[in-house]
């Protein structure tokens, strides 16, 4: 069983997300307790850690000694037909 720890920065970022989206993110993060059998997770290139994709959001985290540490929660601003 893996523990999930949130950094202060990640909690502040999550607090700015609307409640419905945060529920989706929290549910996906809770799925990380089955590490390494997780979906939508990729290793980061060029630095330590992993990325979990949840819709338009990315959750960056590291895994150390049986604990998943959530570092950041970011929204990805994708281009669409209105960008140009």
C-alpha atoms as a PDB file:
ATOM      1  CA  UNK A   1       0.000   0.000   0.000  1.00  0.00           C
ATOM      2  CA  UNK A   2       1.329   3.410  -0.949  1.00  0.00           C
ATOM      3  CA  UNK A   3       0.771   6.633   1.000  1.00  0.00           C
ATOM      4  CA  UNK A   4      -0.163   9.848  -0.786  1.00  0.00           C
ATOM      5  CA  UNK A   5       1.337  13.121   0.455  1.00  0.00           C
ATOM      6  CA  UNK A   6       0.464  16.572  -0.910  1.00  0.00           C
ATOM      7  CA  UNK A   7       2.953  19.442  -0.784  1.00  0.00           C
ATOM      8  CA  UNK A   8       1.728  22.830   0.388  1.00  0.00           C
ATOM      9  CA  UNK A   9       2.151  24.225  -3.133  1.00  0.00           C
ATOM     10  CA  UNK A  10       0.062  21.425  -4.655  1.00  0.00           C
ATOM     11  CA  UNK A  11      -2.704  22.019  -2.088  1.00  0.00           C
ATOM     12  CA  UNK A  12      -2.778  25.737  -2.923  1.00  0.00           C
ATOM     13  CA  UNK A  13      -2.976  24.988  -6.635  1.00  0.00           C
ATOM     14  CA  UNK A  14      -5.746  22.440  -6.062  1.00  0.00           C
ATOM     15  CA  UNK A  15      -7.713  24.922  -3.954  1.00  0.00           C
ATOM     16  CA  UNK A  16      -8.007  27.237  -6.983  1.00  0.00           C
ATOM     17  CA  UNK A  17      -9.634  24.515  -9.107  1.00  0.00           C
ATOM     18  CA  UNK A  18     -13.422  24.313  -9.155  1.00  0.00           C
ATOM     19  CA  UNK A  19     -14.874  21.594  -6.945  1.00  0.00           C
ATOM     20  CA  UNK A  20     -16.162  19.253  -9.684  1.00  0.00           C
ATOM     21  CA  UNK A  21     -12.757  19.153 -11.406  1.00  0.00           C
ATOM     22  CA  UNK A  22     -10.928  18.700  -8.108  1.00  0.00           C
ATOM     23  CA  UNK A  23     -13.093  15.662  -7.295  1.00  0.00           C
ATOM     24  CA  UNK A  24     -11.938  14.081 -10.594  1.00  0.00           C
ATOM     25  CA  UNK A  25      -8.310  14.905  -9.804  1.00  0.00           C
ATOM     26  CA  UNK A  26      -8.555  13.564  -6.247  1.00  0.00           C
ATOM     27  CA  UNK A  27     -10.125  10.321  -7.493  1.00  0.00           C
ATOM     28  CA  UNK A  28      -7.303   9.864 -10.033  1.00  0.00           C
ATOM     29  CA  UNK A  29      -4.662  10.641  -7.399  1.00  0.00           C
ATOM     30  CA  UNK A  30      -6.214   8.089  -5.025  1.00  0.00           C
ATOM     31  CA  UNK A  31      -5.667   5.534  -7.799  1.00  0.00           C
ATOM     32  CA  UNK A  32      -1.923   6.036  -7.327  1.00  0.00           C
ATOM     33  CA  UNK A  33      -2.041   3.876  -4.188  1.00  0.00           C
ATOM     34  CA  UNK A  34      -1.766   0.906  -6.573  1.00  0.00           C
ATOM     35  CA  UNK A  35       1.626   2.164  -7.772  1.00  0.00           C
ATOM     36  CA  UNK A  36       3.093   1.092 -10.269  1.00  0.00           C
ATOM     37  CA  UNK A  37      -0.142  -0.333 -11.792  1.00  0.00           C
ATOM     38  CA  UNK A  38      -1.616   3.063 -12.679  1.00  0.00           C
ATOM     39  CA  UNK A  39      -3.151   4.473 -15.851  1.00  0.00           C
ATOM     40  CA  UNK A  40      -2.335   7.778 -17.597  1.00  0.00           C
ATOM     41  CA  UNK A  41       1.084   8.001 -15.914  1.00  0.00           C
ATOM     42  CA  UNK A  42       4.338   8.757 -17.741  1.00  0.00           C
ATOM     43  CA  UNK A  43       7.857   9.331 -16.486  1.00  0.00           C
ATOM     44  CA  UNK A  44       9.117  12.884 -16.923  1.00  0.00           C
ATOM     45  CA  UNK A  45      12.068  13.377 -19.230  1.00  0.00           C
ATOM     46  CA  UNK A  46      14.985  15.494 -18.111  1.00  0.00           C
ATOM     47  CA  UNK A  47      14.053  15.436 -14.432  1.00  0.00           C
ATOM     48  CA  UNK A  48      12.899  13.110 -11.696  1.00  0.00           C
ATOM     49  CA  UNK A  49       9.227  12.311 -11.307  1.00  0.00           C
ATOM     50  CA  UNK A  50       6.058  11.329 -13.098  1.00  0.00           C
ATOM     51  CA  UNK A  51       3.034  12.956 -14.695  1.00  0.00           C
ATOM     52  CA  UNK A  52      -0.590  11.877 -14.219  1.00  0.00           C
ATOM     53  CA  UNK A  53      -3.031  13.139 -16.848  1.00  0.00           C
ATOM     54  CA  UNK A  54      -6.552  14.013 -15.662  1.00  0.00           C
ATOM     55  CA  UNK A  55      -8.506  15.756 -18.418  1.00  0.00           C
ATOM     56  CA  UNK A  56      -7.012  19.239 -18.908  1.00  0.00           C
ATOM     57  CA  UNK A  57      -4.948  18.930 -15.723  1.00  0.00           C
ATOM     58  CA  UNK A  58      -1.560  17.389 -15.052  1.00  0.00           C
ATOM     59  CA  UNK A  59      -0.501  16.156 -11.626  1.00  0.00           C
ATOM     60  CA  UNK A  60       3.273  16.016 -11.178  1.00  0.00           C
ATOM     61  CA  UNK A  61       4.544  13.662  -8.499  1.00  0.00           C
ATOM     62  CA  UNK A  62       7.486  11.641  -7.247  1.00  0.00           C
ATOM     63  CA  UNK A  63       7.642   8.216  -5.599  1.00  0.00           C
ATOM     64  CA  UNK A  64       9.997   7.610  -2.647  1.00  0.00           C
ATOM     65  CA  UNK A  65      10.043   4.776  -0.119  1.00  0.00           C
ATOM     66  CA  UNK A  66       6.413   3.744  -0.488  1.00  0.00           C
ATOM     67  CA  UNK A  67       5.023   7.272  -0.652  1.00  0.00           C
ATOM     68  CA  UNK A  68       3.636   9.212  -3.597  1.00  0.00           C
ATOM     69  CA  UNK A  69       4.380  12.917  -3.133  1.00  0.00           C
ATOM     70  CA  UNK A  70       2.158  15.266  -5.157  1.00  0.00           C
ATOM     71  CA  UNK A  71       4.281  18.247  -6.187  1.00  0.00           C
ATOM     72  CA  UNK A  72       2.146  20.300  -8.576  1.00  0.00           C
ATOM     73  CA  UNK A  73      -1.304  20.433 -10.154  1.00  0.00           C
ATOM     74  CA  UNK A  74      -1.390  22.395 -13.416  1.00  0.00           C
ATOM     75  CA  UNK A  75      -3.988  23.135 -16.056  1.00  0.00           C
ATOM     76  CA  UNK A  76      -2.792  22.638 -19.620  1.00  0.00           C
ATOM     77  CA  UNK A  77      -3.796  25.464 -21.915  1.00  0.00           C
ATOM     78  CA  UNK A  78      -4.287  23.775 -25.269  1.00  0.00           C
ATOM     79  CA  UNK A  79      -4.725  25.593 -28.535  1.00  0.00           C
ATOM     80  CA  UNK A  80      -8.016  25.363 -30.327  1.00  0.00           C
ATOM     81  CA  UNK A  81      -9.725  26.951 -33.330  1.00  0.00           C
ATOM     82  CA  UNK A  82     -10.075  30.267 -31.467  1.00  0.00           C
ATOM     83  CA  UNK A  83      -6.349  30.569 -30.686  1.00  0.00           C
ATOM     84  CA  UNK A  84      -5.447  32.149 -34.029  1.00  0.00           C
END
